[in-house]
N, C-alpha and C. Protein backbone atom coordinates (compact mmCIF):
# COMPACT_ATOMS: atom_id res chain seq x y z
N UNK A 1 14.32 7.13 6.65
CA UNK A 1 14.57 6.50 5.37
C UNK A 1 14.44 5.00 5.51
N UNK A 2 13.47 4.47 4.80
CA UNK A 2 13.21 3.05 4.89
C UNK A 2 13.27 2.42 3.51
N UNK A 3 13.68 1.16 3.46
CA UNK A 3 13.54 0.40 2.23
C UNK A 3 12.07 0.00 2.11
N UNK A 4 11.69 -0.52 0.95
CA UNK A 4 10.31 -0.97 0.78
C UNK A 4 9.98 -2.06 1.80
N UNK A 5 10.88 -3.01 1.98
CA UNK A 5 10.61 -4.11 2.91
C UNK A 5 10.50 -3.62 4.35
N UNK A 6 11.38 -2.69 4.75
CA UNK A 6 11.29 -2.12 6.10
C UNK A 6 9.96 -1.40 6.30
N UNK A 7 9.57 -0.60 5.31
CA UNK A 7 8.31 0.13 5.40
C UNK A 7 7.13 -0.83 5.44
N UNK A 8 7.16 -1.86 4.62
CA UNK A 8 6.09 -2.84 4.59
C UNK A 8 5.98 -3.58 5.93
N UNK A 9 7.12 -3.96 6.49
CA UNK A 9 7.12 -4.65 7.79
C UNK A 9 6.57 -3.74 8.89
N UNK A 10 6.98 -2.48 8.90
CA UNK A 10 6.50 -1.53 9.91
C UNK A 10 4.99 -1.30 9.77
N UNK A 11 4.54 -1.14 8.53
CA UNK A 11 3.11 -0.92 8.29
C UNK A 11 2.30 -2.14 8.71
N UNK A 12 2.78 -3.33 8.38
CA UNK A 12 2.06 -4.57 8.73
C UNK A 12 2.04 -4.82 10.23
N UNK A 13 3.02 -4.32 10.94
CA UNK A 13 3.09 -4.50 12.39
C UNK A 13 2.22 -3.49 13.14
N UNK A 14 1.69 -2.52 12.44
CA UNK A 14 0.90 -1.49 13.11
C UNK A 14 -0.58 -1.85 13.12
N UNK A 15 -1.25 -1.32 14.13
CA UNK A 15 -2.68 -1.56 14.31
C UNK A 15 -3.30 -0.27 14.83
N UNK A 16 -4.50 0.02 14.38
CA UNK A 16 -5.21 1.22 14.83
C UNK A 16 -6.67 0.85 15.05
N UNK A 17 -7.15 0.98 16.27
CA UNK A 17 -8.53 0.68 16.63
C UNK A 17 -8.97 -0.70 16.12
N UNK A 18 -8.08 -1.67 16.31
CA UNK A 18 -8.38 -3.04 15.93
C UNK A 18 -8.22 -3.35 14.45
N UNK A 19 -7.75 -2.38 13.69
CA UNK A 19 -7.57 -2.60 12.25
C UNK A 19 -6.09 -2.81 11.95
N UNK A 20 -5.81 -3.77 11.09
CA UNK A 20 -4.44 -4.11 10.69
C UNK A 20 -3.93 -3.12 9.65
N UNK A 21 -2.67 -2.73 9.75
CA UNK A 21 -2.08 -1.81 8.80
C UNK A 21 -1.36 -2.50 7.66
N UNK A 22 -1.18 -1.77 6.58
CA UNK A 22 -0.38 -2.21 5.43
C UNK A 22 0.02 -0.97 4.65
N UNK A 23 1.01 -1.11 3.78
CA UNK A 23 1.37 0.02 2.92
C UNK A 23 0.15 0.40 2.10
N UNK A 24 -0.03 1.69 1.89
CA UNK A 24 -1.19 2.19 1.18
C UNK A 24 -1.23 1.65 -0.25
N UNK A 25 -2.44 1.33 -0.69
CA UNK A 25 -2.67 0.91 -2.07
C UNK A 25 -3.53 1.96 -2.75
N UNK A 26 -3.29 2.19 -4.02
CA UNK A 26 -4.07 3.16 -4.79
C UNK A 26 -4.65 2.43 -5.99
N UNK A 27 -5.91 2.08 -5.89
CA UNK A 27 -6.53 1.29 -6.95
C UNK A 27 -7.57 2.06 -7.75
N UNK A 28 -7.72 3.35 -7.45
CA UNK A 28 -8.69 4.17 -8.19
C UNK A 28 -8.30 5.64 -8.10
N UNK A 29 -8.88 6.42 -8.99
CA UNK A 29 -8.66 7.86 -8.97
C UNK A 29 -9.20 8.45 -7.66
N UNK A 30 -10.29 7.90 -7.15
CA UNK A 30 -10.87 8.38 -5.89
C UNK A 30 -9.90 8.19 -4.72
N UNK A 31 -9.26 7.03 -4.66
CA UNK A 31 -8.28 6.79 -3.61
C UNK A 31 -7.09 7.73 -3.75
N UNK A 32 -6.62 7.93 -4.98
CA UNK A 32 -5.52 8.85 -5.20
C UNK A 32 -5.91 10.26 -4.75
N UNK A 33 -7.11 10.69 -5.10
CA UNK A 33 -7.58 12.02 -4.71
C UNK A 33 -7.64 12.15 -3.19
N UNK A 34 -8.11 11.11 -2.50
CA UNK A 34 -8.16 11.15 -1.05
C UNK A 34 -6.76 11.33 -0.46
N UNK A 35 -5.79 10.59 -0.97
CA UNK A 35 -4.43 10.69 -0.45
C UNK A 35 -3.85 12.07 -0.72
N UNK A 36 -4.01 12.57 -1.94
CA UNK A 36 -3.45 13.89 -2.25
C UNK A 36 -4.17 14.99 -1.48
N UNK A 37 -5.49 14.88 -1.33
CA UNK A 37 -6.23 15.88 -0.54
C UNK A 37 -5.80 15.85 0.92
N UNK A 38 -5.55 14.66 1.44
CA UNK A 38 -5.19 14.51 2.85
C UNK A 38 -3.77 14.96 3.13
N UNK A 39 -2.83 14.65 2.24
CA UNK A 39 -1.41 14.86 2.53
C UNK A 39 -0.75 15.96 1.71
N UNK A 40 -1.46 16.59 0.78
CA UNK A 40 -0.82 17.54 -0.13
C UNK A 40 -0.12 18.69 0.60
N UNK A 41 -0.79 19.31 1.53
CA UNK A 41 -0.17 20.48 2.19
C UNK A 41 1.08 20.07 2.96
N UNK A 42 1.05 18.90 3.57
CA UNK A 42 2.24 18.42 4.29
C UNK A 42 3.36 18.12 3.30
N UNK A 43 3.02 17.48 2.19
CA UNK A 43 4.03 17.16 1.17
C UNK A 43 4.58 18.43 0.54
N UNK A 44 3.70 19.33 0.18
CA UNK A 44 4.12 20.55 -0.52
C UNK A 44 5.00 21.45 0.33
N UNK A 45 4.77 21.47 1.63
CA UNK A 45 5.56 22.31 2.52
C UNK A 45 6.88 21.67 2.94
N UNK A 46 7.19 20.52 2.37
CA UNK A 46 8.48 19.89 2.65
C UNK A 46 8.59 19.26 4.02
N UNK A 47 7.46 19.09 4.70
CA UNK A 47 7.49 18.49 6.02
C UNK A 47 7.48 16.97 5.93
N UNK A 48 7.37 16.47 4.74
CA UNK A 48 7.24 15.04 4.51
C UNK A 48 7.99 14.74 3.22
N UNK A 49 8.65 13.62 3.11
CA UNK A 49 9.34 13.31 1.84
C UNK A 49 8.37 13.33 0.67
N UNK A 50 8.91 13.64 -0.48
CA UNK A 50 8.07 13.77 -1.67
C UNK A 50 7.94 12.47 -2.45
N UNK A 51 8.53 11.42 -1.95
CA UNK A 51 8.42 10.10 -2.56
C UNK A 51 7.90 9.13 -1.52
N UNK A 52 6.91 8.32 -1.91
CA UNK A 52 6.18 7.48 -0.96
C UNK A 52 6.20 6.03 -1.45
N UNK A 53 6.52 5.12 -0.54
CA UNK A 53 6.38 3.70 -0.85
C UNK A 53 4.90 3.36 -0.92
N UNK A 54 4.51 2.61 -1.94
CA UNK A 54 3.16 2.10 -2.06
C UNK A 54 3.18 0.59 -1.86
N UNK A 55 2.04 0.02 -1.57
CA UNK A 55 1.94 -1.41 -1.29
C UNK A 55 1.85 -2.26 -2.54
N UNK A 56 2.70 -1.98 -3.52
CA UNK A 56 2.73 -2.75 -4.75
C UNK A 56 4.08 -3.43 -4.94
N UNK A 57 4.05 -4.62 -5.51
CA UNK A 57 5.29 -5.34 -5.81
C UNK A 57 5.06 -6.23 -7.03
N UNK A 58 6.14 -6.58 -7.68
CA UNK A 58 6.07 -7.39 -8.89
C UNK A 58 6.69 -8.75 -8.63
N UNK A 59 6.04 -9.80 -9.15
CA UNK A 59 6.62 -11.13 -9.06
C UNK A 59 7.99 -11.12 -9.73
N UNK A 60 8.96 -11.76 -9.11
CA UNK A 60 10.32 -11.75 -9.66
C UNK A 60 10.43 -12.51 -10.98
N UNK A 61 9.49 -13.40 -11.26
CA UNK A 61 9.53 -14.16 -12.51
C UNK A 61 8.55 -13.63 -13.55
N UNK A 62 8.12 -12.37 -13.40
CA UNK A 62 7.17 -11.78 -14.35
C UNK A 62 7.77 -11.74 -15.74
N UNK A 63 6.94 -12.03 -16.74
CA UNK A 63 7.40 -12.11 -18.12
C UNK A 63 7.70 -10.73 -18.72
N UNK A 64 6.92 -9.73 -18.37
CA UNK A 64 7.11 -8.40 -18.95
C UNK A 64 7.05 -7.32 -17.89
N UNK A 65 7.37 -6.10 -18.30
CA UNK A 65 7.45 -5.00 -17.33
C UNK A 65 6.11 -4.68 -16.69
N UNK A 66 5.02 -4.93 -17.38
CA UNK A 66 3.70 -4.64 -16.83
C UNK A 66 3.03 -5.88 -16.24
N UNK A 67 3.69 -7.02 -16.31
CA UNK A 67 3.13 -8.27 -15.81
C UNK A 67 3.50 -8.51 -14.35
N UNK A 68 2.68 -9.29 -13.67
CA UNK A 68 3.00 -9.79 -12.35
C UNK A 68 2.97 -8.78 -11.22
N UNK A 69 2.32 -7.63 -11.40
CA UNK A 69 2.22 -6.65 -10.32
C UNK A 69 1.08 -7.04 -9.39
N UNK A 70 1.28 -6.84 -8.09
CA UNK A 70 0.33 -7.22 -7.05
C UNK A 70 0.24 -6.12 -6.00
N UNK A 71 -0.90 -6.08 -5.33
CA UNK A 71 -1.04 -5.24 -4.14
C UNK A 71 -0.84 -6.12 -2.92
N UNK A 72 -0.27 -5.57 -1.86
CA UNK A 72 -0.04 -6.32 -0.62
C UNK A 72 -1.34 -6.82 0.00
N UNK A 73 -2.46 -6.22 -0.34
CA UNK A 73 -3.76 -6.59 0.19
C UNK A 73 -4.41 -7.74 -0.57
N UNK A 74 -3.85 -8.09 -1.73
CA UNK A 74 -4.47 -9.10 -2.58
C UNK A 74 -5.54 -8.53 -3.50
N UNK A 75 -5.75 -7.20 -3.43
CA UNK A 75 -6.70 -6.57 -4.35
C UNK A 75 -6.21 -6.79 -5.78
N UNK A 76 -7.14 -6.78 -6.72
CA UNK A 76 -6.79 -6.97 -8.12
C UNK A 76 -5.94 -5.79 -8.62
N UNK A 77 -4.88 -6.10 -9.34
CA UNK A 77 -4.05 -5.07 -9.96
C UNK A 77 -4.68 -4.73 -11.30
N UNK A 78 -4.66 -3.48 -11.64
CA UNK A 78 -5.16 -3.09 -12.95
C UNK A 78 -6.17 -1.99 -12.83
N UNK A 79 -6.64 -1.57 -13.97
CA UNK A 79 -7.59 -0.48 -13.96
C UNK A 79 -6.87 0.84 -13.78
N UNK A 80 -6.51 1.19 -12.56
CA UNK A 80 -5.87 2.46 -12.27
C UNK A 80 -4.37 2.27 -12.07
N UNK A 81 -3.58 3.01 -12.81
CA UNK A 81 -2.13 3.09 -12.58
C UNK A 81 -1.70 4.53 -12.85
N UNK A 82 -0.54 4.88 -12.36
CA UNK A 82 -0.02 6.23 -12.56
C UNK A 82 1.49 6.17 -12.83
N UNK A 83 1.88 5.33 -13.79
CA UNK A 83 3.30 5.16 -14.09
C UNK A 83 3.89 6.45 -14.63
N UNK A 84 5.08 6.79 -14.18
CA UNK A 84 5.82 7.92 -14.74
C UNK A 84 6.29 7.55 -16.14
N UNK A 85 6.65 8.52 -16.91
CA UNK A 85 7.14 8.27 -18.26
C UNK A 85 8.33 7.31 -18.22
N UNK A 86 8.29 6.27 -19.05
CA UNK A 86 9.38 5.30 -19.11
C UNK A 86 9.34 4.24 -18.02
N UNK A 87 8.28 4.25 -17.21
CA UNK A 87 8.15 3.30 -16.11
C UNK A 87 6.98 2.36 -16.37
N UNK A 88 6.99 1.18 -15.86
CA UNK A 88 8.12 0.55 -15.19
C UNK A 88 9.17 0.13 -16.22
N UNK A 89 10.43 0.12 -15.79
CA UNK A 89 11.50 -0.26 -16.71
C UNK A 89 12.08 -1.63 -16.40
N UNK A 90 11.66 -2.22 -15.27
CA UNK A 90 11.96 -3.62 -14.93
C UNK A 90 13.46 -3.92 -14.90
N UNK A 91 14.26 -3.01 -14.45
CA UNK A 91 15.69 -3.24 -14.32
C UNK A 91 15.98 -3.80 -12.93
N UNK A 92 15.50 -5.03 -12.66
CA UNK A 92 15.63 -5.66 -11.35
C UNK A 92 15.00 -4.77 -10.28
N UNK A 93 13.86 -4.21 -10.63
CA UNK A 93 13.15 -3.29 -9.75
C UNK A 93 11.72 -3.77 -9.61
N UNK A 94 11.40 -4.32 -8.46
CA UNK A 94 10.12 -4.99 -8.29
C UNK A 94 9.24 -4.39 -7.19
N UNK A 95 9.50 -3.15 -6.79
CA UNK A 95 8.75 -2.54 -5.70
C UNK A 95 8.28 -1.16 -6.12
N UNK A 96 7.10 -0.78 -5.64
CA UNK A 96 6.42 0.41 -6.15
C UNK A 96 6.62 1.63 -5.25
N UNK A 97 7.12 2.69 -5.86
CA UNK A 97 7.26 3.99 -5.18
C UNK A 97 6.54 5.04 -6.01
N UNK A 98 6.01 6.04 -5.32
CA UNK A 98 5.29 7.12 -5.97
C UNK A 98 6.06 8.41 -5.76
N UNK A 99 6.63 8.94 -6.84
CA UNK A 99 7.29 10.24 -6.79
C UNK A 99 6.18 11.28 -6.92
N UNK A 100 5.73 11.76 -5.79
CA UNK A 100 4.54 12.59 -5.75
C UNK A 100 4.81 14.03 -6.18
N UNK A 101 5.75 14.69 -5.57
CA UNK A 101 6.06 16.08 -5.91
C UNK A 101 7.46 16.24 -6.46
N UNK A 102 8.08 15.17 -6.80
CA UNK A 102 9.46 15.20 -7.25
C UNK A 102 9.55 15.61 -8.71
N UNK A 103 10.65 16.23 -9.07
CA UNK A 103 10.92 16.47 -10.49
C UNK A 103 12.02 15.53 -10.98
N UNK A 104 12.81 15.03 -10.07
CA UNK A 104 13.83 14.03 -10.40
C UNK A 104 13.83 12.99 -9.29
N UNK A 105 13.24 11.86 -9.47
CA UNK A 105 12.71 11.35 -10.73
C UNK A 105 11.39 12.00 -11.10
N UNK A 106 10.93 11.72 -12.32
CA UNK A 106 9.68 12.30 -12.81
C UNK A 106 8.51 11.88 -11.93
N UNK A 107 7.52 12.75 -11.82
CA UNK A 107 6.33 12.45 -11.03
C UNK A 107 5.63 11.20 -11.56
N UNK A 108 5.09 10.43 -10.63
CA UNK A 108 4.35 9.23 -10.99
C UNK A 108 4.92 8.01 -10.30
N UNK A 109 4.43 6.84 -10.69
CA UNK A 109 4.87 5.58 -10.09
C UNK A 109 6.15 5.11 -10.74
N UNK A 110 7.01 4.52 -9.91
CA UNK A 110 8.29 3.98 -10.37
C UNK A 110 8.47 2.59 -9.80
N UNK A 111 9.03 1.70 -10.60
CA UNK A 111 9.46 0.43 -10.04
C UNK A 111 10.89 0.65 -9.54
N UNK A 112 11.15 0.17 -8.34
CA UNK A 112 12.45 0.42 -7.71
C UNK A 112 12.98 -0.86 -7.09
N UNK A 113 14.28 -0.88 -6.78
CA UNK A 113 14.82 -2.02 -6.03
C UNK A 113 14.30 -2.00 -4.59
N UNK A 114 14.27 -3.15 -3.96
CA UNK A 114 13.74 -3.28 -2.60
C UNK A 114 14.54 -2.45 -1.60
N UNK A 115 15.83 -2.25 -1.84
CA UNK A 115 16.68 -1.58 -0.85
C UNK A 115 16.86 -0.09 -1.12
N UNK A 116 16.10 0.46 -2.05
CA UNK A 116 16.22 1.89 -2.35
C UNK A 116 15.76 2.69 -1.14
N UNK A 117 16.55 3.67 -0.73
CA UNK A 117 16.17 4.50 0.41
C UNK A 117 15.93 5.96 0.03
N UNK A 118 16.46 6.40 -1.07
CA UNK A 118 16.24 7.79 -1.46
C UNK A 118 16.69 8.03 -2.89
N UNK A 119 16.11 9.10 -3.48
CA UNK A 119 16.53 9.59 -4.78
C UNK A 119 17.09 10.98 -4.55
N UNK A 120 18.26 11.23 -5.06
CA UNK A 120 18.87 12.56 -4.99
C UNK A 120 18.82 13.11 -3.56
N UNK A 121 19.23 12.28 -2.60
CA UNK A 121 19.24 12.66 -1.19
C UNK A 121 17.86 12.99 -0.64
N UNK A 122 16.84 12.54 -1.31
CA UNK A 122 15.47 12.77 -0.85
C UNK A 122 14.94 11.48 -0.23
N UNK A 123 14.58 11.51 1.04
CA UNK A 123 14.12 10.28 1.68
C UNK A 123 12.79 9.79 1.12
N UNK A 124 12.59 8.50 1.21
CA UNK A 124 11.34 7.88 0.81
C UNK A 124 10.55 7.55 2.07
N UNK A 125 9.30 7.96 2.12
CA UNK A 125 8.44 7.70 3.28
C UNK A 125 7.41 6.65 2.90
N UNK A 126 6.49 6.39 3.82
CA UNK A 126 5.39 5.47 3.52
C UNK A 126 4.15 5.93 4.26
N UNK A 127 3.00 5.52 3.75
CA UNK A 127 1.71 5.81 4.37
C UNK A 127 1.09 4.47 4.73
N UNK A 128 0.58 4.38 5.95
CA UNK A 128 -0.09 3.16 6.40
C UNK A 128 -1.58 3.30 6.18
N UNK A 129 -2.16 2.29 5.58
CA UNK A 129 -3.60 2.21 5.39
C UNK A 129 -4.12 1.13 6.34
N UNK A 130 -5.23 1.42 6.99
CA UNK A 130 -5.80 0.48 7.95
C UNK A 130 -7.13 -0.03 7.42
N UNK A 131 -7.33 -1.32 7.57
CA UNK A 131 -8.58 -1.93 7.13
C UNK A 131 -9.03 -2.93 8.18
N UNK A 132 -10.33 -2.98 8.37
CA UNK A 132 -10.88 -3.97 9.29
C UNK A 132 -10.74 -5.35 8.67
N UNK A 133 -10.35 -6.31 9.47
CA UNK A 133 -10.25 -7.68 9.00
C UNK A 133 -11.64 -8.27 9.06
N UNK A 134 -12.17 -8.74 7.91
CA UNK A 134 -13.55 -9.26 7.92
C UNK A 134 -13.66 -10.53 8.76
N UNK A 135 -14.77 -10.65 9.46
CA UNK A 135 -15.02 -11.84 10.27
C UNK A 135 -15.66 -12.88 9.36
N UNK A 136 -15.08 -14.08 9.26
CA UNK A 136 -15.68 -15.10 8.40
C UNK A 136 -17.10 -15.44 8.83
N UNK A 137 -17.95 -15.74 7.87
CA UNK A 137 -19.35 -16.04 8.15
C UNK A 137 -19.50 -17.22 9.10
N UNK A 138 -18.58 -18.19 9.04
CA UNK A 138 -18.68 -19.36 9.93
C UNK A 138 -18.56 -18.94 11.39
N UNK A 139 -17.74 -17.94 11.68
CA UNK A 139 -17.62 -17.45 13.05
C UNK A 139 -18.90 -16.75 13.49
N UNK A 140 -19.54 -16.02 12.57
CA UNK A 140 -20.80 -15.37 12.90
C UNK A 140 -21.87 -16.41 13.20
N UNK A 141 -21.93 -17.47 12.40
CA UNK A 141 -22.90 -18.54 12.64
C UNK A 141 -22.63 -19.25 13.96
N UNK A 142 -21.34 -19.50 14.25
CA UNK A 142 -20.97 -20.15 15.51
C UNK A 142 -21.41 -19.28 16.69
N UNK A 143 -21.14 -17.99 16.59
CA UNK A 143 -21.52 -17.07 17.66
C UNK A 143 -23.02 -17.04 17.86
N UNK A 144 -23.79 -17.02 16.75
CA UNK A 144 -25.25 -17.02 16.84
C UNK A 144 -25.74 -18.32 17.47
N UNK A 145 -25.12 -19.43 17.08
CA UNK A 145 -25.50 -20.73 17.64
C UNK A 145 -25.23 -20.81 19.14
N UNK A 146 -24.10 -20.28 19.58
CA UNK A 146 -23.76 -20.28 21.00
C UNK A 146 -24.74 -19.42 21.80
N UNK A 147 -25.17 -18.31 21.22
CA UNK A 147 -26.15 -17.45 21.90
C UNK A 147 -27.47 -18.18 22.07
N UNK A 148 -27.91 -18.91 21.05
CA UNK A 148 -29.17 -19.67 21.13
C UNK A 148 -29.05 -20.74 22.20
N UNK A 149 -27.93 -21.47 22.24
CA UNK A 149 -27.72 -22.53 23.24
C UNK A 149 -27.73 -21.93 24.64
N UNK A 150 -27.05 -20.82 24.83
CA UNK A 150 -27.00 -20.17 26.15
C UNK A 150 -28.39 -19.75 26.59
N UNK A 151 -29.17 -19.23 25.67
CA UNK A 151 -30.53 -18.79 26.01
C UNK A 151 -31.42 -19.99 26.40
N UNK A 152 -31.29 -21.07 25.65
CA UNK A 152 -32.08 -22.27 25.95
C UNK A 152 -31.75 -22.83 27.32
N UNK A 153 -30.49 -22.76 27.72
CA UNK A 153 -30.07 -23.28 29.03
C UNK A 153 -30.66 -22.44 30.17
N UNK A 154 -30.84 -21.15 29.93
CA UNK A 154 -31.36 -20.26 30.97
C UNK A 154 -32.86 -20.32 31.10
N UNK A 155 -33.57 -20.86 30.12
CA UNK A 155 -35.04 -20.86 30.15
C UNK A 155 -35.58 -22.03 30.90
């Protein structure tokens, strides 16, 4: 049982094959389908909590319940959402959880407090998404330049 911040810190501290981890983000129906296809049998069989922390958070000074939402990756918010009925309700709840197979709370995305650890004695888990960190073009040019210099010195 982790809070959103604990889960985010653990995900950010993880690395897989040189790729940095972060809490999973769902920015399209295709991404949602991939997650449900990948984890559905584990979730359905009760081997995994039915509520998952997602890498979404809301600015604390957001003007409205749908304003100021961000992904931990900096990806644009919008387009795809899966809010549960009556959500977000913005009752000092600025972190995103997905009630995947739950009936209480209702299925879908919920805004929650940062320190929430479970609903109805049901633990909240998290999924780590790994992405390669892009190499800036200036480093690629520097590397190419160094290779040319090294070759010229050997000729």
